Amino acid sequence: MRSTADRIRHAVSFEVIGLLIVTPLGAWIFDFAMHAIGIVAVVSATVAMIWNYLFNLGFDRAMLRWLGHARKWPALRVVHAVLFELGLLVVLLPFIAWYLQIGLWTALLMDLGFAGFFLVYAFVYNWAYDVIFPIPEPAKPAQTE
């Protein structure tokens, strides 16, 4: 299982790289000022970092309990990313509507656009992270004679 320091590195680097990509892209696609999308993106990233840590910790613990390991294969990565984004969508929708002074329907479409981006990004990022920083093998219990 990953250490706390590794989980923090994972969450922070995920959000920083995501912000650098999504802020200018979102401002351009949704035709909002860069600072407005930037505020939405920073608040969303802060909430997402907290959710990222808690969700991944819970997901890995569930995998350890049910499967005996925390290695994720591609299909499980898809499930992982979808569940993560659905949880985040529920929290962020009211904030986006309020801050940008838009209706819930418009906020939902915007949030789905961001979620679509982050769904693909999360899949690619997490897969790359696992390759660059592999999950350590669990310590084998010492054999007694």
Protein backbone atom coordinates (compact mmCIF):
# COMPACT_ATOMS: atom_id res chain seq x y z
CA MET A 1 0.00 0.00 0.00
CA ARG A 2 1.17 3.57 -0.61
CA SER A 3 2.62 5.69 2.20
CA THR A 4 1.06 8.95 3.36
CA ALA A 5 3.91 10.94 1.79
CA ASP A 6 3.38 9.13 -1.52
CA ARG A 7 -0.36 9.82 -1.40
CA ILE A 8 0.29 13.51 -0.75
CA ARG A 9 2.79 13.69 -3.66
CA HIS A 10 0.23 11.93 -5.85
CA ALA A 11 -2.63 14.29 -4.94
CA VAL A 12 -0.67 17.54 -5.13
CA SER A 13 1.06 16.75 -8.43
CA PHE A 14 -2.24 15.55 -9.92
CA GLU A 15 -3.95 18.85 -9.09
CA VAL A 16 -1.08 21.15 -10.09
CA ILE A 17 -0.68 19.52 -13.51
CA GLY A 18 -4.46 19.44 -13.96
CA LEU A 19 -4.79 23.16 -13.09
CA LEU A 20 -2.10 24.11 -15.58
CA ILE A 21 -4.04 22.32 -18.32
CA VAL A 22 -7.70 22.94 -17.42
CA THR A 23 -7.68 26.67 -16.53
CA PRO A 24 -6.77 28.08 -19.95
CA LEU A 25 -8.66 25.29 -21.72
CA GLY A 26 -11.83 25.92 -19.65
CA ALA A 27 -11.67 29.70 -20.11
CA TRP A 28 -11.42 29.21 -23.86
CA ILE A 29 -14.10 26.52 -24.21
CA PHE A 30 -16.68 28.06 -21.86
CA ASP A 31 -15.92 31.68 -22.80
CA PHE A 32 -15.37 32.91 -19.24
CA ALA A 33 -12.57 35.14 -18.03
CA MET A 34 -9.43 33.22 -17.13
CA HIS A 35 -9.60 34.47 -13.52
CA ALA A 36 -13.20 33.25 -13.09
CA ILE A 37 -12.33 29.78 -14.36
CA GLY A 38 -9.11 29.99 -12.35
CA ILE A 39 -11.03 30.55 -9.08
CA VAL A 40 -13.42 27.70 -9.91
CA ALA A 41 -10.44 25.52 -10.81
CA VAL A 42 -8.47 26.34 -7.62
CA VAL A 43 -11.45 25.76 -5.31
CA SER A 44 -12.30 22.60 -7.22
CA ALA A 45 -8.68 21.43 -7.03
CA THR A 46 -8.57 22.03 -3.28
CA VAL A 47 -11.76 20.05 -2.74
CA ALA A 48 -10.51 17.41 -5.17
CA MET A 49 -7.17 17.05 -3.36
CA ILE A 50 -8.93 16.29 -0.10
CA TRP A 51 -11.36 13.94 -1.86
CA ASN A 52 -8.46 12.36 -3.79
CA TYR A 53 -6.61 11.45 -0.60
CA LEU A 54 -9.69 10.09 1.18
CA PHE A 55 -11.12 8.28 -1.85
CA ASN A 56 -7.84 6.60 -2.83
CA LEU A 57 -7.11 5.56 0.75
CA GLY A 58 -10.57 4.01 1.06
CA PHE A 59 -10.39 2.41 -2.40
CA ASP A 60 -6.97 0.86 -1.69
CA ARG A 61 -8.08 -0.41 1.72
CA ALA A 62 -11.14 -1.99 0.12
CA MET A 63 -8.92 -3.63 -2.52
CA LEU A 64 -6.57 -4.95 0.15
CA ARG A 65 -9.50 -6.38 2.09
CA TRP A 66 -11.25 -7.93 -0.93
CA LEU A 67 -8.33 -8.81 -3.22
CA GLY A 68 -5.28 -8.92 -0.97
CA HIS A 69 -3.43 -6.25 -3.01
CA ALA A 70 -3.86 -2.69 -4.29
CA ARG A 71 -2.67 -3.13 -7.89
CA LYS A 72 -5.16 -1.74 -10.40
CA TRP A 73 -5.65 -3.11 -13.90
CA PRO A 74 -7.09 -0.97 -16.73
CA ALA A 75 -10.79 -1.88 -16.25
CA LEU A 76 -10.53 -1.21 -12.52
CA ARG A 77 -8.85 2.13 -13.30
CA VAL A 78 -11.97 3.07 -15.29
CA VAL A 79 -14.25 2.19 -12.34
CA HIS A 80 -11.91 4.04 -9.99
CA ALA A 81 -11.93 7.21 -12.12
CA VAL A 82 -15.72 7.19 -12.66
CA LEU A 83 -16.49 6.76 -8.94
CA PHE A 84 -14.02 9.49 -8.03
CA GLU A 85 -15.52 11.97 -10.52
CA LEU A 86 -19.13 11.21 -9.52
CA GLY A 87 -18.34 11.97 -5.88
CA LEU A 88 -16.63 15.21 -6.86
CA LEU A 89 -19.52 16.23 -9.13
CA VAL A 90 -22.01 16.09 -6.26
CA VAL A 91 -19.90 18.46 -4.16
CA LEU A 92 -18.82 20.93 -6.85
CA LEU A 93 -22.05 21.50 -8.78
CA PRO A 94 -23.63 23.97 -6.30
CA PHE A 95 -20.37 25.91 -5.96
CA ILE A 96 -19.91 26.35 -9.71
CA ALA A 97 -23.49 27.56 -10.17
CA TRP A 98 -23.19 30.02 -7.30
CA TYR A 99 -19.76 31.42 -8.13
CA LEU A 100 -20.29 31.85 -11.86
CA GLN A 101 -23.91 33.02 -11.37
CA ILE A 102 -25.25 30.42 -13.78
CA GLY A 103 -28.15 28.01 -13.55
CA LEU A 104 -27.76 24.50 -12.21
CA TRP A 105 -28.28 23.03 -15.67
CA THR A 106 -25.50 25.17 -17.16
CA ALA A 107 -23.31 24.39 -14.16
CA LEU A 108 -24.01 20.69 -14.63
CA LEU A 109 -23.00 20.85 -18.30
CA MET A 110 -19.87 22.78 -17.39
CA ASP A 111 -19.05 20.41 -14.54
CA LEU A 112 -19.61 17.42 -16.83
CA GLY A 113 -17.15 18.98 -19.27
CA PHE A 114 -14.58 19.36 -16.50
CA ALA A 115 -15.38 15.86 -15.23
CA GLY A 116 -14.95 14.45 -18.75
CA PHE A 117 -11.54 16.06 -19.00
CA PHE A 118 -10.52 14.89 -15.54
CA LEU A 119 -11.91 11.41 -16.14
CA VAL A 120 -9.50 10.90 -19.03
CA TYR A 121 -6.74 12.82 -17.25
CA ALA A 122 -7.18 10.77 -14.03
CA PHE A 123 -6.97 7.51 -15.95
CA VAL A 124 -3.79 8.53 -17.79
CA TYR A 125 -2.20 10.25 -14.77
CA ASN A 126 -2.85 7.37 -12.35
CA TRP A 127 -1.61 4.77 -14.79
CA ALA A 128 1.56 6.82 -15.44
CA TYR A 129 1.99 7.40 -11.69
CA ASP A 130 1.82 3.66 -11.03
CA VAL A 131 4.49 3.07 -13.67
CA ILE A 132 6.78 5.86 -12.40
CA PHE A 133 6.14 5.16 -8.70
CA PRO A 134 5.13 1.48 -8.43
CA ILE A 135 3.17 0.30 -5.41
CA PRO A 136 5.61 -1.42 -3.06
CA GLU A 137 5.10 -5.13 -2.59
CA PRO A 138 3.72 -5.98 0.86
CA ALA A 139 6.35 -7.18 3.31
CA LYS A 140 6.43 -10.95 3.52
CA PRO A 141 6.04 -12.30 7.06
CA ALA A 142 9.20 -13.81 8.48
CA GLN A 143 9.16 -17.58 8.42
CA THR A 144 9.73 -19.29 11.73
CA GLU A 145 11.10 -22.76 12.08
